[in-house]
Amino acid sequence: MEFSESTSQTKILLESGTNELEIMEFTIAGELFGINVAKVREIMMAQEVKKMPNSNSVVEGVIKPRDEIITVIELGKYLNVPKSENPNNDIFIITHFNKLNFAFRVETVTGINRISWESIRKPDRVIYGGEEGVATGIAEYKDRLITILDFEKIIAEISPESSIQFENLDRLGERRTSEKSILIVEDSMLLSKMITECLHKAGYRNTVKADNGQEAWDYLMEVKESGSPIEEHVSCIVSDIEMPLMDGHRLTRLVKEDSVLKDTPIVLFSSLISDEIRRKGEALGADEQIAKPEIANLVSIIDRLTSK
């Protein structure tokens, strides 16, 4: 089952910066989970998986639909929940983000719902994995709670080479320390730490952290109300797209519509970047957009945007 219709609806929402997303709900061991539809390429009935030797324990193997080899991840095993009683009825959710495709085994797909980021909260740290757990948000929709999983973190643990690589910074050569202030807007503690460390290594030691778009916007309002030049506090904004309370597209729209803040450059640094998403970001005024593994390119972009 191709997912073109639902992803198209999501892209319309992202284009307008309405601070909404569409969540695909699915179950594992009777528990309800969710994934951003923008990460879903298609869903299909589970099929025979070819085992791969010496792979991660949660990797079932690979499948080859339409001459494309895709790694299959047993999501229930990763979450330490009981196996499905009827695995032949399971579903594969085929995802696409950070320019990679993966299949996640789940029990059922129950539907798609449009939800405001304002209704999504960061979960308590003890849920699903301690300080930096695998639950990126808890969405309240009608009479139920939906645990939104951090699929980027799951893939980063299984395939570290697909995540941010510090050594890529070495190709930039010798760097000088910059006094430019960079506002990092990222809800993942792990990714925020990695981005901050990378920027510090690249010479950008003056960084400010916000956990979501709303927190970033509140900070920008404080800076604006102080009356001092914006560039003294924020020379560039690096923002994720998927975040509780306010997403990166909504933040971009607010900044670019503000007469005082509009010249502050914004870089959308997200696993969702694709040709379609890029067009939406451009329409909202984003200065640059880049996929998360490309940390060296991010630094080069910041260099260019802050040198103007």
Protein backbone atom coordinates (compact mmCIF):
# COMPACT_ATOMS: atom_id res chain seq x y z
CA MET A 1 0.00 0.00 0.00
CA GLU A 2 1.60 3.24 -1.17
CA PHE A 3 1.26 6.21 1.13
CA SER A 4 1.14 9.06 -1.36
CA GLU A 5 -2.26 10.47 -0.36
CA SER A 6 -1.54 10.78 3.36
CA THR A 7 1.97 12.14 2.89
CA SER A 8 0.58 14.68 0.45
CA GLN A 9 -1.87 15.88 3.10
CA THR A 10 0.96 16.21 5.61
CA LYS A 11 3.05 18.24 3.17
CA ILE A 12 0.17 20.68 2.73
CA LEU A 13 0.09 21.16 6.49
CA LEU A 14 3.85 21.67 6.65
CA GLU A 15 3.70 24.20 3.83
CA SER A 16 1.27 26.41 5.68
CA GLY A 17 3.16 26.16 8.97
CA THR A 18 0.02 25.35 10.91
CA ASN A 19 1.94 23.52 13.66
CA GLU A 20 0.10 20.29 12.92
CA LEU A 21 1.18 16.84 11.83
CA GLU A 22 -0.45 13.59 10.89
CA ILE A 23 0.33 10.57 13.05
CA MET A 24 -0.04 6.97 11.93
CA GLU A 25 -1.16 4.92 14.92
CA PHE A 26 -0.04 1.30 15.27
CA THR A 27 0.03 -1.36 17.96
CA ILE A 28 2.62 -3.70 19.42
CA ALA A 29 1.60 -6.13 22.17
CA GLY A 30 -1.65 -4.20 22.51
CA GLU A 31 0.09 -0.89 23.22
CA LEU A 32 -0.58 2.16 21.05
CA PHE A 33 2.31 3.93 19.34
CA GLY A 34 2.67 6.56 16.64
CA ILE A 35 4.94 7.74 13.83
CA ASN A 36 4.87 10.96 11.85
CA VAL A 37 3.28 10.18 8.48
CA ALA A 38 6.01 12.26 6.82
CA LYS A 39 8.44 9.43 7.72
CA VAL A 40 6.25 6.70 6.22
CA ARG A 41 6.77 5.62 2.62
CA GLU A 42 4.30 2.72 2.58
CA ILE A 43 2.84 -0.11 4.61
CA MET A 44 2.61 -3.76 3.59
CA MET A 45 1.74 -7.13 5.01
CA ALA A 46 4.70 -8.85 6.67
CA GLN A 47 6.57 -11.18 4.34
CA GLU A 48 9.34 -13.71 4.62
CA VAL A 49 12.57 -12.16 5.86
CA LYS A 50 16.04 -13.32 4.87
CA LYS A 51 18.19 -13.64 7.98
CA MET A 52 21.54 -11.87 8.05
CA PRO A 53 24.48 -13.28 10.07
CA ASN A 54 26.12 -11.20 12.80
CA SER A 55 23.48 -8.49 12.66
CA ASN A 56 22.08 -6.50 15.57
CA SER A 57 19.76 -8.59 17.76
CA VAL A 58 16.70 -6.51 16.83
CA VAL A 59 17.40 -6.76 13.10
CA GLU A 60 15.33 -9.61 11.65
CA GLY A 61 17.06 -9.54 8.29
CA VAL A 62 16.20 -8.06 4.91
CA ILE A 63 13.38 -8.05 2.39
CA LYS A 64 13.51 -7.18 -1.30
CA PRO A 65 10.28 -5.59 -2.49
CA ARG A 66 10.48 -4.26 -6.04
CA ASP A 67 14.22 -5.05 -6.36
CA GLU A 68 15.13 -2.89 -3.35
CA ILE A 69 16.84 -4.40 -0.31
CA ILE A 70 15.40 -3.06 2.97
CA THR A 71 16.48 -3.93 6.51
CA VAL A 72 13.69 -5.21 8.77
CA ILE A 73 13.66 -4.22 12.44
CA GLU A 74 11.58 -6.10 15.01
CA LEU A 75 10.26 -3.08 16.86
CA GLY A 76 8.65 -5.10 19.64
CA LYS A 77 11.96 -6.73 20.48
CA TYR A 78 13.66 -3.33 20.59
CA LEU A 79 10.99 -2.13 23.03
CA ASN A 80 11.23 -5.31 25.11
CA VAL A 81 7.55 -6.16 24.71
CA PRO A 82 6.12 -9.65 24.02
CA LYS A 83 6.17 -11.05 20.51
CA SER A 84 3.08 -11.05 18.36
CA GLU A 85 0.84 -14.11 18.81
CA ASN A 86 0.04 -14.12 15.08
CA PRO A 87 3.20 -12.94 13.28
CA ASN A 88 1.74 -13.91 9.91
CA ASN A 89 -0.75 -11.07 10.35
CA ASP A 90 1.90 -8.49 11.22
CA ILE A 91 2.48 -5.30 9.24
CA PHE A 92 5.70 -3.78 7.90
CA ILE A 93 5.88 0.02 8.10
CA ILE A 94 8.40 1.13 5.47
CA THR A 95 10.02 4.39 6.56
CA HIS A 96 12.17 6.94 4.78
CA PHE A 97 14.21 9.56 6.65
CA ASN A 98 17.82 10.71 6.66
CA LYS A 99 17.86 9.40 3.07
CA LEU A 100 17.52 5.79 4.32
CA ASN A 101 14.76 3.16 4.12
CA PHE A 102 13.90 0.71 6.90
CA ALA A 103 11.01 -1.67 7.59
CA PHE A 104 9.58 -1.88 11.12
CA ARG A 105 7.49 -4.89 12.13
CA VAL A 106 4.32 -3.97 14.04
CA GLU A 107 1.10 -5.84 14.80
CA THR A 108 -1.59 -3.56 13.37
CA VAL A 109 -1.99 -0.11 11.85
CA THR A 110 -5.11 1.44 13.35
CA GLY A 111 -5.41 4.75 11.53
CA ILE A 112 -4.12 8.24 10.83
CA ASN A 113 -5.05 11.35 12.77
CA ARG A 114 -4.20 15.02 12.49
CA ILE A 115 -2.78 16.40 15.74
CA SER A 116 -1.44 19.78 16.81
CA TRP A 117 2.12 19.84 18.12
CA GLU A 118 0.69 21.82 21.04
CA SER A 119 -1.03 18.66 22.27
CA ILE A 120 2.23 16.68 22.28
CA ARG A 121 4.35 16.67 25.40
CA LYS A 122 7.84 15.41 26.11
CA PRO A 123 7.51 12.21 28.17
CA ASP A 124 8.93 11.67 31.61
CA ARG A 125 12.54 10.51 31.37
CA VAL A 126 11.80 7.16 32.98
CA ILE A 127 9.53 6.14 30.08
CA TYR A 128 11.08 3.76 27.54
CA GLY A 129 14.72 4.12 28.28
CA GLY A 130 15.77 6.52 30.99
CA GLU A 131 17.27 9.96 30.45
CA GLU A 132 17.22 9.84 26.66
CA GLY A 133 14.40 7.42 26.04
CA VAL A 134 12.93 6.21 22.80
CA ALA A 135 9.61 8.01 23.32
CA THR A 136 9.99 11.42 21.70
CA GLY A 137 6.52 12.58 22.69
CA ILE A 138 3.17 11.65 24.19
CA ALA A 139 0.16 12.77 22.17
CA GLU A 140 -3.29 13.06 23.70
CA TYR A 141 -5.96 12.46 21.10
CA LYS A 142 -9.61 12.15 22.04
CA ASP A 143 -9.75 9.44 24.74
CA ARG A 144 -6.30 7.90 24.29
CA LEU A 145 -2.59 8.54 24.72
CA ILE A 146 -0.25 7.78 21.83
CA THR A 147 3.47 7.19 22.41
CA ILE A 148 5.39 8.74 19.52
CA LEU A 149 8.63 6.84 19.06
CA ASP A 150 12.01 8.37 18.23
CA PHE A 151 12.81 6.36 15.11
CA GLU A 152 15.97 8.40 14.51
CA LYS A 153 17.36 7.26 17.85
CA ILE A 154 16.45 3.65 17.13
CA ILE A 155 18.31 3.71 13.81
CA ALA A 156 21.27 5.59 15.32
CA GLU A 157 21.67 2.82 17.92
CA ILE A 158 21.37 0.02 15.37
CA SER A 159 23.42 1.75 12.66
CA PRO A 160 25.68 4.40 14.24
CA GLU A 161 27.29 5.21 10.89
CA SER A 162 23.95 6.64 9.72
CA SER A 163 23.97 9.29 12.45
CA ILE A 164 26.01 12.48 12.88
CA GLN A 165 29.71 11.80 12.29
CA PHE A 166 32.20 14.01 14.12
CA GLU A 167 35.09 12.99 11.87
CA ASN A 168 33.38 14.64 8.91
CA LEU A 169 34.37 17.97 10.44
CA ASP A 170 38.04 17.20 9.82
CA ARG A 171 37.64 17.88 6.11
CA LEU A 172 36.87 21.51 6.89
CA GLY A 173 40.50 22.02 7.86
CA GLU A 174 41.82 24.38 10.53
CA ARG A 175 39.11 26.42 12.22
CA ARG A 176 39.04 29.69 14.14
CA THR A 177 36.90 30.43 17.18
CA SER A 178 33.81 32.49 16.36
CA GLU A 179 31.87 34.74 18.71
CA LYS A 180 28.69 34.34 16.67
CA SER A 181 25.79 33.02 18.76
CA ILE A 182 23.96 29.98 17.37
CA LEU A 183 20.47 29.07 18.65
CA ILE A 184 20.02 25.29 18.52
CA VAL A 185 16.38 24.16 18.55
CA GLU A 186 16.20 20.40 19.05
CA ASP A 187 14.02 18.27 21.32
CA SER A 188 16.28 15.19 21.31
CA MET A 189 18.80 15.46 24.14
CA LEU A 190 21.15 13.11 22.30
CA LEU A 191 21.09 15.02 19.01
CA SER A 192 21.20 18.40 20.72
CA LYS A 193 24.34 17.35 22.57
CA MET A 194 25.93 16.01 19.38
CA ILE A 195 25.11 19.15 17.39
CA THR A 196 26.44 21.38 20.17
CA GLU A 197 29.68 19.39 20.44
CA CYS A 198 30.14 19.51 16.67
CA LEU A 199 29.63 23.26 16.54
CA HIS A 200 32.00 23.78 19.45
CA LYS A 201 34.60 21.66 17.67
CA ALA A 202 34.08 23.81 14.57
CA GLY A 203 34.74 26.99 16.57
CA TYR A 204 31.20 28.08 17.39
CA ARG A 205 31.51 28.10 21.19
CA ASN A 206 28.62 30.51 21.84
CA THR A 207 25.53 28.31 21.58
CA VAL A 208 22.06 28.63 23.09
CA LYS A 209 19.80 25.61 23.52
CA ALA A 210 16.00 25.42 23.14
CA ASP A 211 14.07 22.17 23.52
CA ASN A 212 11.34 23.05 21.01
CA GLY A 213 10.03 25.81 18.77
CA GLN A 214 7.92 27.38 21.50
CA GLU A 215 10.89 27.69 23.85
CA ALA A 216 12.96 29.17 21.02
CA TRP A 217 10.22 31.65 20.16
CA ASP A 218 9.89 32.73 23.80
CA TYR A 219 13.66 33.32 23.90
CA LEU A 220 13.55 35.35 20.68
CA MET A 221 10.72 37.46 22.10
CA GLU A 222 12.82 38.21 25.17
CA VAL A 223 15.74 39.22 22.97
CA LYS A 224 13.48 41.39 20.83
CA GLU A 225 11.94 43.11 23.85
CA SER A 226 15.39 43.86 25.30
CA GLY A 227 15.89 46.40 22.54
CA SER A 228 19.47 45.34 21.78
CA PRO A 229 20.41 44.21 18.26
CA ILE A 230 19.16 40.67 17.54
CA GLU A 231 22.50 39.58 16.06
CA GLU A 232 24.19 40.22 19.42
CA HIS A 233 22.14 37.35 20.85
CA VAL A 234 21.31 35.16 17.85
CA SER A 235 23.39 35.14 14.65
CA CYS A 236 21.79 31.98 13.24
CA ILE A 237 19.04 29.51 14.17
CA VAL A 238 19.51 25.78 13.60
CA SER A 239 16.18 24.03 14.06
CA ASP A 240 14.72 20.55 13.85
CA ILE A 241 11.28 20.22 12.24
CA GLU A 242 9.59 17.60 14.47
CA MET A 243 9.20 19.01 18.00
CA PRO A 244 6.52 19.08 20.70
CA LEU A 245 4.56 22.30 21.34
CA MET A 246 5.84 24.08 18.21
CA ASP A 247 7.53 22.54 15.18
CA GLY A 248 10.35 24.00 13.10
CA HIS A 249 8.13 25.02 10.22
CA ARG A 250 5.87 27.07 12.48
CA LEU A 251 8.93 28.67 14.12
CA THR A 252 10.33 29.55 10.69
CA ARG A 253 7.07 31.15 9.65
CA LEU A 254 6.86 33.25 12.84
CA VAL A 255 10.47 34.45 12.56
CA LYS A 256 10.23 35.35 8.88
CA GLU A 257 6.93 37.21 9.38
CA ASP A 258 8.38 39.31 12.23
CA SER A 259 9.70 42.71 11.11
CA VAL A 260 12.57 42.63 13.62
CA LEU A 261 13.58 38.96 13.40
CA LYS A 262 13.07 38.29 9.69
CA ASP A 263 16.72 38.78 8.73
CA THR A 264 17.94 36.17 11.22
CA PRO A 265 19.00 33.16 9.12
CA ILE A 266 17.28 29.84 9.82
CA VAL A 267 18.68 26.42 8.90
CA LEU A 268 16.26 23.49 9.09
CA PHE A 269 18.39 20.52 10.17
CA SER A 270 16.06 17.53 10.03
CA SER A 271 15.78 13.87 9.11
CA LEU A 272 12.67 14.76 7.08
CA ILE A 273 14.43 16.82 4.41
CA SER A 274 13.37 15.67 0.94
CA ASP A 275 12.59 17.48 -2.31
CA GLU A 276 8.96 17.94 -1.25
CA ILE A 277 9.73 19.05 2.30
CA ARG A 278 12.42 21.37 0.96
CA ARG A 279 9.85 23.19 -1.16
CA LYS A 280 7.65 23.69 1.90
CA GLY A 281 10.55 25.09 3.91
CA GLU A 282 11.48 27.48 1.11
CA ALA A 283 7.89 28.73 0.96
CA LEU A 284 8.05 29.50 4.68
CA GLY A 285 11.32 31.40 4.32
CA ALA A 286 13.96 28.93 5.55
CA ASP A 287 17.41 30.09 4.45
CA GLU A 288 18.82 26.55 4.17
CA GLN A 289 17.66 22.97 4.76
CA ILE A 290 19.87 19.95 5.33
CA ALA A 291 19.60 16.32 6.47
CA LYS A 292 20.95 15.53 9.94
CA PRO A 293 23.93 13.30 9.13
CA GLU A 294 25.53 16.12 7.10
CA ILE A 295 27.13 17.96 10.02
CA ALA A 296 30.14 19.25 8.05
CA ASN A 297 27.81 20.79 5.48
CA LEU A 298 25.81 22.36 8.31
CA VAL A 299 28.95 24.09 9.60
CA SER A 300 29.79 25.36 6.11
CA ILE A 301 26.26 26.75 5.78
CA ILE A 302 26.49 28.52 9.14
CA ASP A 303 29.85 29.96 8.07
CA ARG A 304 28.27 31.43 4.97
CA LEU A 305 25.06 32.71 6.58
CA THR A 306 26.85 34.41 9.49
CA SER A 307 29.49 36.06 7.29
CA LYS A 308 26.96 38.31 5.56
